[in-house]
Amino acid sequence: MAVLKFQSDTEYYRWLADHPNGFVVNTTHSPQPRYMMLHRALCRHISEPHRETSPGGFTERRNTKICAEDIESLRAWAAQHGRPDGSFTHECSSCTPTR
């Protein structure tokens, strides 16, 4: 499946709306293996703007979002970006993406 990296919050919000059952890795703008956090697409932490993220804070400043319709595609992406075992540094405890 396709893995997308977003450079624009507008495009990212559109993807979230079109893929409510998808998954998102929150990582630094230049992906670093020390921070790759997995979320469900509708998790409030990566879908609802707040003071620190608006406007452009989700994808246009310090962090970016890597998105796919399935977790396995994101595991393959993580393996290609410094996490050879395809793991994530964290999984969101609010949206519990692997349950």
Protein backbone atom coordinates (compact mmCIF):
# COMPACT_ATOMS: atom_id res chain seq x y z
CA MET A 1 0.00 0.00 0.00
CA ALA A 2 0.99 3.61 -0.47
CA VAL A 3 2.74 5.58 2.24
CA LEU A 4 2.42 9.37 2.07
CA LYS A 5 4.44 12.12 3.75
CA PHE A 6 2.60 15.40 4.03
CA GLN A 7 4.17 18.83 3.61
CA SER A 8 0.89 20.72 3.98
CA ASP A 9 -1.74 20.63 6.70
CA THR A 10 -4.47 21.18 4.09
CA GLU A 11 -3.48 18.01 2.21
CA TYR A 12 -3.03 16.13 5.49
CA TYR A 13 -6.55 17.08 6.71
CA ARG A 14 -7.96 15.96 3.35
CA TRP A 15 -6.21 12.57 3.70
CA LEU A 16 -7.58 12.14 7.25
CA ALA A 17 -11.11 12.85 6.03
CA ASP A 18 -10.75 10.39 3.15
CA HIS A 19 -9.09 7.63 5.25
CA PRO A 20 -10.79 7.55 8.67
CA ASN A 21 -9.62 3.96 9.23
CA GLY A 22 -6.00 4.74 8.32
CA PHE A 23 -2.90 5.14 10.46
CA VAL A 24 -0.40 7.95 11.01
CA VAL A 25 3.19 8.08 12.21
CA ASN A 26 4.08 11.36 13.85
CA THR A 27 7.78 12.05 13.41
CA THR A 28 10.25 14.89 12.99
CA HIS A 29 10.35 16.77 9.69
CA SER A 30 13.48 14.83 8.74
CA PRO A 31 12.37 11.44 10.05
CA GLN A 32 14.50 10.24 12.95
CA PRO A 33 14.37 6.67 14.29
CA ARG A 34 14.31 7.99 17.86
CA TYR A 35 10.79 9.43 17.39
CA MET A 36 8.14 7.62 15.35
CA MET A 37 4.80 7.52 17.16
CA LEU A 38 1.90 5.52 15.73
CA HIS A 39 -1.70 6.80 15.86
CA ARG A 40 -5.05 5.99 14.31
CA ALA A 41 -6.07 8.57 11.69
CA LEU A 42 -8.90 9.92 13.84
CA CYS A 43 -6.85 10.26 17.02
CA ARG A 44 -7.48 13.69 18.49
CA HIS A 45 -3.76 14.18 19.14
CA ILE A 46 -2.97 14.27 15.43
CA SER A 47 -6.28 15.42 13.95
CA GLU A 48 -7.65 18.24 16.12
CA PRO A 49 -5.82 21.56 15.93
CA HIS A 50 -4.91 23.30 19.15
CA ARG A 51 -2.84 26.32 20.08
CA GLU A 52 0.53 24.62 19.48
CA THR A 53 -0.38 23.15 16.10
CA SER A 54 -2.44 25.77 14.35
CA PRO A 55 -1.92 26.81 11.57
CA GLY A 56 0.57 24.50 9.88
CA GLY A 57 1.77 22.84 13.06
CA PHE A 58 0.92 19.29 12.07
CA THR A 59 3.10 19.07 8.94
CA GLU A 60 4.73 22.39 8.17
CA ARG A 61 7.02 23.07 11.11
CA ARG A 62 8.89 20.74 13.48
CA ASN A 63 6.92 17.55 12.89
CA THR A 64 5.41 15.81 9.90
CA LYS A 65 2.98 12.97 9.36
CA ILE A 66 3.54 9.72 7.49
CA CYS A 67 0.22 8.11 6.56
CA ALA A 68 -1.03 4.80 5.21
CA GLU A 69 -4.22 2.78 5.18
CA ASP A 70 -2.53 -0.10 7.02
CA ILE A 71 0.03 -0.52 9.79
CA GLU A 72 2.19 -2.97 7.81
CA SER A 73 2.99 -0.29 5.22
CA LEU A 74 4.09 2.02 8.03
CA ARG A 75 6.20 -0.76 9.57
CA ALA A 76 7.98 -1.16 6.21
CA TRP A 77 8.47 2.61 6.04
CA ALA A 78 9.90 2.67 9.59
CA ALA A 79 12.30 -0.15 8.68
CA GLN A 80 13.56 1.93 5.74
CA HIS A 81 14.03 4.97 7.97
CA GLY A 82 16.24 3.66 10.74
CA ARG A 83 14.12 1.14 12.66
CA PRO A 84 15.19 -2.16 11.05
CA ASP A 85 12.66 -4.22 12.98
CA GLY A 86 9.78 -2.07 11.69
CA SER A 87 8.78 -0.96 15.15
CA PHE A 88 7.64 2.45 16.34
CA THR A 89 9.11 4.29 19.30
CA HIS A 90 5.64 4.67 20.81
CA GLU A 91 2.03 3.79 20.16
CA CYS A 92 -0.54 6.34 21.27
CA SER A 93 -2.17 5.25 24.51
CA SER A 94 -5.29 7.30 23.70
CA CYS A 95 -6.20 5.71 20.36
CA THR A 96 -4.44 2.34 20.84
CA PRO A 97 -3.68 1.79 17.13
CA THR A 98 -2.70 -1.89 17.31
CA ARG A 99 -5.72 -3.06 19.34
